[in-house]
């Protein structure tokens, strides 16, 4: 079958180029086309099918061959097929035709290395985006400057986060310290108030103890039968005006505190009554006595006997009726509270 490609003619190739015959024989001795086309490929019978080559340009086998040629050139200049076939010569381009700029880019190692100038450091990719501060700092590469700015911004943000965390920790510590100080101050104030209350209580108790030495109950071996303010028809005022100490007739009646006897004698419904006026003007009335042991104008001291328990006047039985009239007032106050205020507890 005749080939469709032009006959092998040296005048067909460009001038100065060695012609390489790429046709080879098959093992059966027939000639086969190295770069077949769709028109020259014989149909294959049977199950096998041959994929048609894509139109336009060389086949993949040519591409592979071209890559192999380039690799061979880079390795040493002449490619040698590792087959039983004779080597095929390949023409190499003249490096003298390559421009000086291309030599500078790829490097020319064919000459003396001592005469070859050292390669210079590549210039920065771009200077777009450089600021005056970057230029003053000696930065000439925009990418490096951007990286530095990003790093500085990240460090600044981290510093802000650390500063905010430190301030929050300081605020929490200050708040906790203030709360602890406030609590401690409150505890101290409560303790002080409690101590002051205890001190006042102790002072009052001491004063009452001192008063108790100056005051005494009017009688002994008694029973409280009626208290101040009790209502009833037995009393002309409608209520009880004093404190009753029930005791056997003849029981001694003593001066509650030192003072002066201002009245001693019969007093109607009160029976025999003695009035003791204290130094502050308070009058103490001792009523229903069976006998009186003092006289008007007499000075008496605490615990001195002034009479005896009886049942004179408006009574139902022997007892001492005690009334307290501050400042000599006509209306008396509760004798129980007054005695308790003097440290006495009937």
Protein backbone atom coordinates (compact mmCIF):
# COMPACT_ATOMS: atom_id res chain seq x y z
CA UNK A 1 0.00 0.00 0.00
CA UNK A 2 1.41 3.39 -1.02
CA UNK A 3 2.17 5.98 1.68
CA UNK A 4 0.34 9.31 1.63
CA UNK A 5 3.22 11.32 3.09
CA UNK A 6 5.75 12.97 0.72
CA UNK A 7 8.67 10.91 -0.46
CA UNK A 8 11.80 11.12 1.52
CA UNK A 9 13.59 13.92 -0.21
CA UNK A 10 16.30 16.04 1.38
CA UNK A 11 14.88 19.07 -0.29
CA UNK A 12 11.66 18.58 1.73
CA UNK A 13 13.32 19.44 5.08
CA UNK A 14 14.39 22.90 6.06
CA UNK A 15 17.90 23.95 5.20
CA UNK A 16 20.58 22.96 7.71
CA UNK A 17 18.43 20.24 9.35
CA UNK A 18 19.35 16.61 9.26
CA UNK A 19 16.57 14.41 8.06
CA UNK A 20 15.69 11.52 10.32
CA UNK A 21 13.87 8.61 8.80
CA UNK A 22 11.27 7.70 11.38
CA UNK A 23 9.87 4.84 9.33
CA UNK A 24 10.78 1.46 10.63
CA UNK A 25 10.11 -2.07 9.56
CA UNK A 26 7.98 -4.47 11.49
CA UNK A 27 9.24 -7.80 12.55
CA UNK A 28 7.52 -9.33 9.50
CA UNK A 29 9.65 -7.15 7.21
CA UNK A 30 6.87 -4.85 5.96
CA UNK A 31 6.99 -1.12 6.17
CA UNK A 32 4.65 0.67 8.65
CA UNK A 33 3.90 4.34 8.86
CA UNK A 34 5.26 5.96 12.05
CA UNK A 35 2.54 8.59 12.30
CA UNK A 36 -0.57 7.05 10.71
CA UNK A 37 -3.76 8.95 10.03
CA UNK A 38 -7.40 7.96 9.88
CA UNK A 39 -7.17 7.50 6.11
CA UNK A 40 -4.06 5.30 6.20
CA UNK A 41 -4.96 2.96 9.09
CA UNK A 42 -6.26 -0.39 7.93
CA UNK A 43 -9.43 -1.63 9.59
CA UNK A 44 -8.85 -4.37 12.17
CA UNK A 45 -11.11 -7.29 12.12
CA UNK A 46 -12.24 -9.11 15.23
CA UNK A 47 -13.01 -7.79 18.70
CA UNK A 48 -10.14 -5.29 18.80
CA UNK A 49 -10.67 -1.74 17.70
CA UNK A 50 -8.10 0.94 17.14
CA UNK A 51 -8.84 4.32 18.60
CA UNK A 52 -8.66 7.01 15.99
CA UNK A 53 -6.17 9.79 16.46
CA UNK A 54 -7.56 13.23 17.23
CA UNK A 55 -7.27 15.65 14.33
CA UNK A 56 -5.09 18.69 14.40
CA UNK A 57 -1.45 18.54 15.46
CA UNK A 58 0.84 15.59 16.04
CA UNK A 59 -0.14 12.29 17.65
CA UNK A 60 0.68 11.48 21.27
CA UNK A 61 3.58 9.37 20.10
CA UNK A 62 5.14 12.47 18.59
CA UNK A 63 4.68 14.32 21.83
CA UNK A 64 6.34 11.55 23.76
CA UNK A 65 9.16 11.54 21.23
CA UNK A 66 9.57 15.31 21.58
CA UNK A 67 9.76 15.04 25.38
CA UNK A 68 12.29 12.25 25.04
CA UNK A 69 14.38 14.37 22.67
CA UNK A 70 14.39 17.31 25.09
CA UNK A 71 15.36 15.03 27.98
CA UNK A 72 18.12 13.55 25.90
CA UNK A 73 19.41 17.01 24.98
CA UNK A 74 19.44 18.07 28.63
CA UNK A 75 21.25 14.89 29.63
CA UNK A 76 24.13 15.14 27.20
CA UNK A 77 23.22 16.04 23.69
CA UNK A 78 22.83 12.71 21.86
CA UNK A 79 20.07 10.22 22.53
CA UNK A 80 20.83 6.57 22.23
CA UNK A 81 18.03 4.08 21.88
CA UNK A 82 18.39 1.11 24.18
CA UNK A 83 17.26 -1.30 21.55
CA UNK A 84 18.79 -3.59 19.07
CA UNK A 85 18.28 -1.02 16.31
CA UNK A 86 21.12 1.28 15.30
CA UNK A 87 21.24 4.69 17.03
CA UNK A 88 19.43 7.53 15.41
CA UNK A 89 21.23 10.85 15.17
CA UNK A 90 19.41 13.95 16.35
CA UNK A 91 20.42 17.45 15.44
CA UNK A 92 20.82 19.98 18.33
CA UNK A 93 20.10 23.70 18.14
CA UNK A 94 23.03 26.06 18.17
CA UNK A 95 23.24 27.80 21.56
CA UNK A 96 24.78 30.78 19.83
CA UNK A 97 21.38 31.58 18.47
CA UNK A 98 19.86 31.77 21.93
CA UNK A 99 19.51 35.27 23.25
CA UNK A 100 21.63 36.51 26.07
CA UNK A 101 18.53 37.10 28.22
CA UNK A 102 17.55 33.44 27.89
CA UNK A 103 21.10 32.39 28.85
CA UNK A 104 20.91 34.60 31.91
CA UNK A 105 17.59 33.06 32.85
CA UNK A 106 18.53 29.36 32.49
CA UNK A 107 22.26 29.74 33.07
CA UNK A 108 24.99 28.81 30.59
CA UNK A 109 27.22 26.09 32.06
CA UNK A 110 28.91 25.22 28.74
CA UNK A 111 31.79 27.62 29.23
CA UNK A 112 34.36 28.07 31.94
CA UNK A 113 32.65 28.34 35.33
CA UNK A 114 35.33 30.70 36.54
CA UNK A 115 34.38 33.19 33.79
CA UNK A 116 30.67 32.88 34.48
CA UNK A 117 29.39 35.78 36.60
CA UNK A 118 27.44 34.90 39.77
CA UNK A 119 23.71 34.96 39.48
CA UNK A 120 22.13 38.00 41.04
CA UNK A 121 19.36 37.81 43.61
CA UNK A 122 15.97 38.05 42.03
CA UNK A 123 14.31 41.40 42.34
CA UNK A 124 11.20 41.74 44.49
CA UNK A 125 8.09 40.39 42.88
CA UNK A 126 6.28 43.70 43.20
CA UNK A 127 6.55 46.95 45.10
CA UNK A 128 2.82 47.67 45.03
CA UNK A 129 1.44 48.28 48.51
CA UNK A 130 4.72 49.40 50.11
CA UNK A 131 4.29 52.33 52.49
CA UNK A 132 6.81 54.97 53.43
CA UNK A 133 7.26 53.23 56.79
CA UNK A 134 8.04 49.95 55.02
CA UNK A 135 10.56 51.66 52.78
CA UNK A 136 12.18 53.42 55.75
CA UNK A 137 12.43 50.07 57.53
CA UNK A 138 14.35 48.63 54.57
CA UNK A 139 11.53 46.43 53.26
CA UNK A 140 11.46 46.26 49.47
CA UNK A 141 9.08 43.37 48.92
CA UNK A 142 5.34 44.04 49.15
CA UNK A 143 4.59 40.46 50.22
CA UNK A 144 7.14 40.65 53.02
CA UNK A 145 5.75 44.02 54.10
CA UNK A 146 2.21 42.63 54.12
CA UNK A 147 3.34 39.66 56.19
CA UNK A 148 5.04 42.00 58.67
CA UNK A 149 1.92 44.17 58.93
CA UNK A 150 -0.27 41.12 59.51
CA UNK A 151 2.10 39.84 62.19
CA UNK A 152 2.19 43.26 63.88
CA UNK A 153 -1.59 43.49 63.74
CA UNK A 154 -1.94 39.98 65.22
CA UNK A 155 0.53 40.86 67.97
CA UNK A 156 -1.34 44.10 68.69
CA UNK A 157 -4.65 42.24 68.89
CA UNK A 158 -3.09 39.63 71.18
CA UNK A 159 -1.71 42.43 73.35
CA UNK A 160 -5.20 43.95 73.53
CA UNK A 161 -6.69 40.59 74.50
CA UNK A 162 -4.01 40.06 77.15
CA UNK A 163 -4.48 43.61 78.46
CA UNK A 164 -8.26 43.17 78.61
CA UNK A 165 -7.85 39.84 80.41
CA UNK A 166 -5.39 41.41 82.86
CA UNK A 167 -7.75 44.33 83.51
CA UNK A 168 -10.68 41.93 84.02
CA UNK A 169 -8.60 39.88 86.44
CA UNK A 170 -7.55 43.02 88.31
CA UNK A 171 -11.16 44.24 88.45
CA UNK A 172 -12.34 40.85 89.73
CA UNK A 173 -9.56 40.79 92.32
CA UNK A 174 -10.36 44.37 93.39
CA UNK A 175 -14.06 43.55 93.62
CA UNK A 176 -13.33 40.44 95.63
CA UNK A 177 -10.98 42.38 97.89
CA UNK A 178 -13.59 45.12 98.33
CA UNK A 179 -16.25 42.54 99.12
CA UNK A 180 -13.95 40.84 101.61
CA UNK A 181 -13.07 44.20 103.17
CA UNK A 182 -16.74 45.15 103.37
CA UNK A 183 -17.60 41.82 104.95
CA UNK A 184 -14.72 42.16 107.39
CA UNK A 185 -15.81 45.70 108.22
CA UNK A 186 -19.37 44.53 108.77
CA UNK A 187 -18.19 41.72 111.02
CA UNK A 188 -16.02 44.19 112.92
CA UNK A 189 -18.97 46.57 113.28
CA UNK A 190 -21.23 43.75 114.47
CA UNK A 191 -18.58 42.59 116.91
CA UNK A 192 -18.12 46.15 118.14
CA UNK A 193 -21.86 46.65 118.51
CA UNK A 194 -22.16 43.34 120.33
CA UNK A 195 -19.26 44.25 122.58
CA UNK A 196 -20.80 47.65 123.30
CA UNK A 197 -24.16 46.04 124.08
CA UNK A 198 -22.49 43.55 126.39
CA UNK A 199 -20.55 46.38 128.00
CA UNK A 200 -23.73 48.38 128.51
CA UNK A 201 -25.46 45.33 129.89
CA UNK A 202 -22.60 44.70 132.28
CA UNK A 203 -22.58 48.36 133.30
CA UNK A 204 -26.33 48.28 133.91
CA UNK A 205 -25.99 45.07 135.91
CA UNK A 206 -23.19 46.62 137.93
CA UNK A 207 -25.26 49.74 138.54
CA UNK A 208 -28.22 47.64 139.59
CA UNK A 209 -25.95 45.69 141.91
CA UNK A 210 -24.80 48.94 143.42
CA UNK A 211 -28.39 50.13 143.68
CA UNK A 212 -29.40 46.83 145.18
CA UNK A 213 -26.96 47.55 147.95
CA UNK A 214 -28.72 50.88 148.49
CA UNK A 215 -32.27 49.51 148.11
CA UNK A 216 -34.05 46.58 149.72
CA UNK A 217 -37.45 44.90 149.66
CA UNK A 218 -39.88 46.25 152.23
CA UNK A 219 -40.50 42.88 153.92
CA UNK A 220 -39.60 39.21 153.85
CA UNK A 221 -41.50 35.89 153.95
CA UNK A 222 -44.24 37.36 151.75
CA UNK A 223 -46.53 36.41 148.89
CA UNK A 224 -47.56 38.78 146.10
CA UNK A 225 -51.37 38.70 146.06
CA UNK A 226 -52.38 41.78 144.04
CA UNK A 227 -50.47 43.79 141.43
CA UNK A 228 -50.77 47.31 140.10
CA UNK A 229 -53.72 48.05 137.78
CA UNK A 230 -55.92 45.10 138.63
CA UNK A 231 -59.64 45.97 138.30
CA UNK A 232 -62.18 45.15 141.01
CA UNK A 233 -64.98 46.48 143.24
CA UNK A 234 -62.90 46.11 146.37
CA UNK A 235 -60.95 49.26 145.49
CA UNK A 236 -62.65 52.63 145.57
CA UNK A 237 -60.85 53.82 142.43
CA UNK A 238 -62.01 50.73 140.51
CA UNK A 239 -58.51 49.30 140.20
CA UNK A 240 -55.59 48.42 142.44
CA UNK A 241 -53.16 51.32 142.90
CA UNK A 242 -50.21 49.48 144.50
CA UNK A 243 -48.49 46.14 145.14
CA UNK A 244 -49.62 43.85 147.96
CA UNK A 245 -47.16 41.77 150.04
CA UNK A 246 -49.22 39.26 152.05
CA UNK A 247 -47.46 38.33 155.30
CA UNK A 248 -48.43 37.46 158.87
CA UNK A 249 -49.38 40.30 161.18
CA UNK A 250 -46.36 41.72 162.98
CA UNK A 251 -43.91 41.00 160.16
CA UNK A 252 -41.25 43.74 160.08
CA UNK A 253 -41.55 46.55 157.48
CA UNK A 254 -38.20 48.09 156.43
CA UNK A 255 -37.24 51.30 154.67
CA UNK A 256 -36.64 50.54 150.99
CA UNK A 257 -34.09 53.36 150.71
CA UNK A 258 -32.69 56.14 152.83
CA UNK A 259 -34.92 59.21 153.19
CA UNK A 260 -37.08 61.26 155.51
CA UNK A 261 -40.38 60.34 157.15
CA UNK A 262 -42.92 62.92 155.95
CA UNK A 263 -46.14 61.31 157.32
CA UNK A 264 -46.93 58.66 159.94
CA UNK A 265 -50.51 57.94 161.25
CA UNK A 266 -54.08 56.97 160.40
CA UNK A 267 -55.16 57.46 156.74
CA UNK A 268 -58.75 56.20 156.42
CA UNK A 269 -59.08 53.22 154.02
CA UNK A 270 -55.26 52.90 154.04
CA UNK A 271 -55.31 52.22 157.81
CA UNK A 272 -52.08 53.13 159.55
CA UNK A 273 -49.74 54.57 156.89
CA UNK A 274 -46.12 55.77 156.82
CA UNK A 275 -44.82 57.96 153.93
CA UNK A 276 -41.04 57.87 153.24
CA UNK A 277 -39.79 60.65 150.93
CA UNK A 278 -36.51 59.87 149.15
CA UNK A 279 -33.88 62.40 148.22
CA UNK A 280 -35.19 62.63 144.60
CA UNK A 281 -38.68 63.51 145.86
CA UNK A 282 -40.23 60.06 145.31
CA UNK A 283 -42.80 59.14 147.95
CA UNK A 284 -43.17 55.53 149.17
CA UNK A 285 -46.50 54.71 150.94
CA UNK A 286 -46.53 51.83 153.47
CA UNK A 287 -50.18 51.09 154.30
CA UNK A 288 -52.38 48.80 156.55
CA UNK A 289 -49.68 48.62 159.27
CA UNK A 290 -50.46 47.20 162.63
CA UNK A 291 -47.96 49.60 164.24
CA UNK A 292 -45.66 52.52 163.28
CA UNK A 293 -42.05 52.69 164.57
CA UNK A 294 -40.97 56.16 163.26
CA UNK A 295 -42.12 59.76 163.46
CA UNK A 296 -42.44 62.64 161.00
CA UNK A 297 -39.11 64.34 160.16
CA UNK A 298 -37.04 61.34 161.13
CA UNK A 299 -34.11 60.36 158.88
CA UNK A 300 -33.92 56.66 158.11
CA UNK A 301 -31.48 54.53 156.18
CA UNK A 302 -31.89 51.53 153.89
CA UNK A 303 -33.22 48.46 155.72
CA UNK A 304 -34.20 50.34 158.92
CA UNK A 305 -37.47 49.10 160.54
CA UNK A 306 -40.31 51.62 160.19
CA UNK A 307 -43.34 49.50 161.26
CA UNK A 308 -45.10 46.10 161.16
CA UNK A 309 -47.51 44.31 158.84
CA UNK A 310 -51.22 44.57 159.84
CA UNK A 311 -54.81 44.51 158.58
CA UNK A 312 -56.00 48.06 159.34
CA UNK A 313 -58.21 50.04 156.95
CA UNK A 314 -60.03 48.54 153.97
CA UNK A 315 -58.54 45.02 153.87
CA UNK A 316 -59.53 41.36 153.76
CA UNK A 317 -56.40 40.09 155.51
CA UNK A 318 -52.98 41.11 156.85
CA UNK A 319 -50.66 42.47 154.13
CA UNK A 320 -48.44 45.44 153.23
CA UNK A 321 -49.86 47.72 150.54
CA UNK A 322 -46.95 49.61 148.85
CA UNK A 323 -47.43 52.57 146.52
CA UNK A 324 -44.84 54.67 144.61
CA UNK A 325 -45.53 58.36 143.79
CA UNK A 326 -42.67 60.03 141.84
CA UNK A 327 -42.22 63.69 142.86
CA UNK A 328 -45.14 63.43 145.31
CA UNK A 329 -47.71 63.06 142.50
CA UNK A 330 -51.25 62.12 143.45
CA UNK A 331 -51.28 59.22 140.99
CA UNK A 332 -48.80 56.44 141.58
CA UNK A 333 -46.85 54.14 139.20
CA UNK A 334 -46.33 50.39 139.15
CA UNK A 335 -44.24 49.52 142.22
CA UNK A 336 -43.09 46.23 140.63
CA UNK A 337 -41.40 48.03 137.71
CA UNK A 338 -39.92 50.64 140.03
CA UNK A 339 -38.41 48.01 142.34
CA UNK A 340 -37.01 46.07 139.37
CA UNK A 341 -35.41 49.28 138.16
CA UNK A 342 -33.56 49.43 141.47
CA UNK A 343 -32.21 45.90 141.07
CA UNK A 344 -34.90 44.29 143.22
CA UNK A 345 -37.12 41.41 142.10
CA UNK A 346 -40.18 40.78 144.30
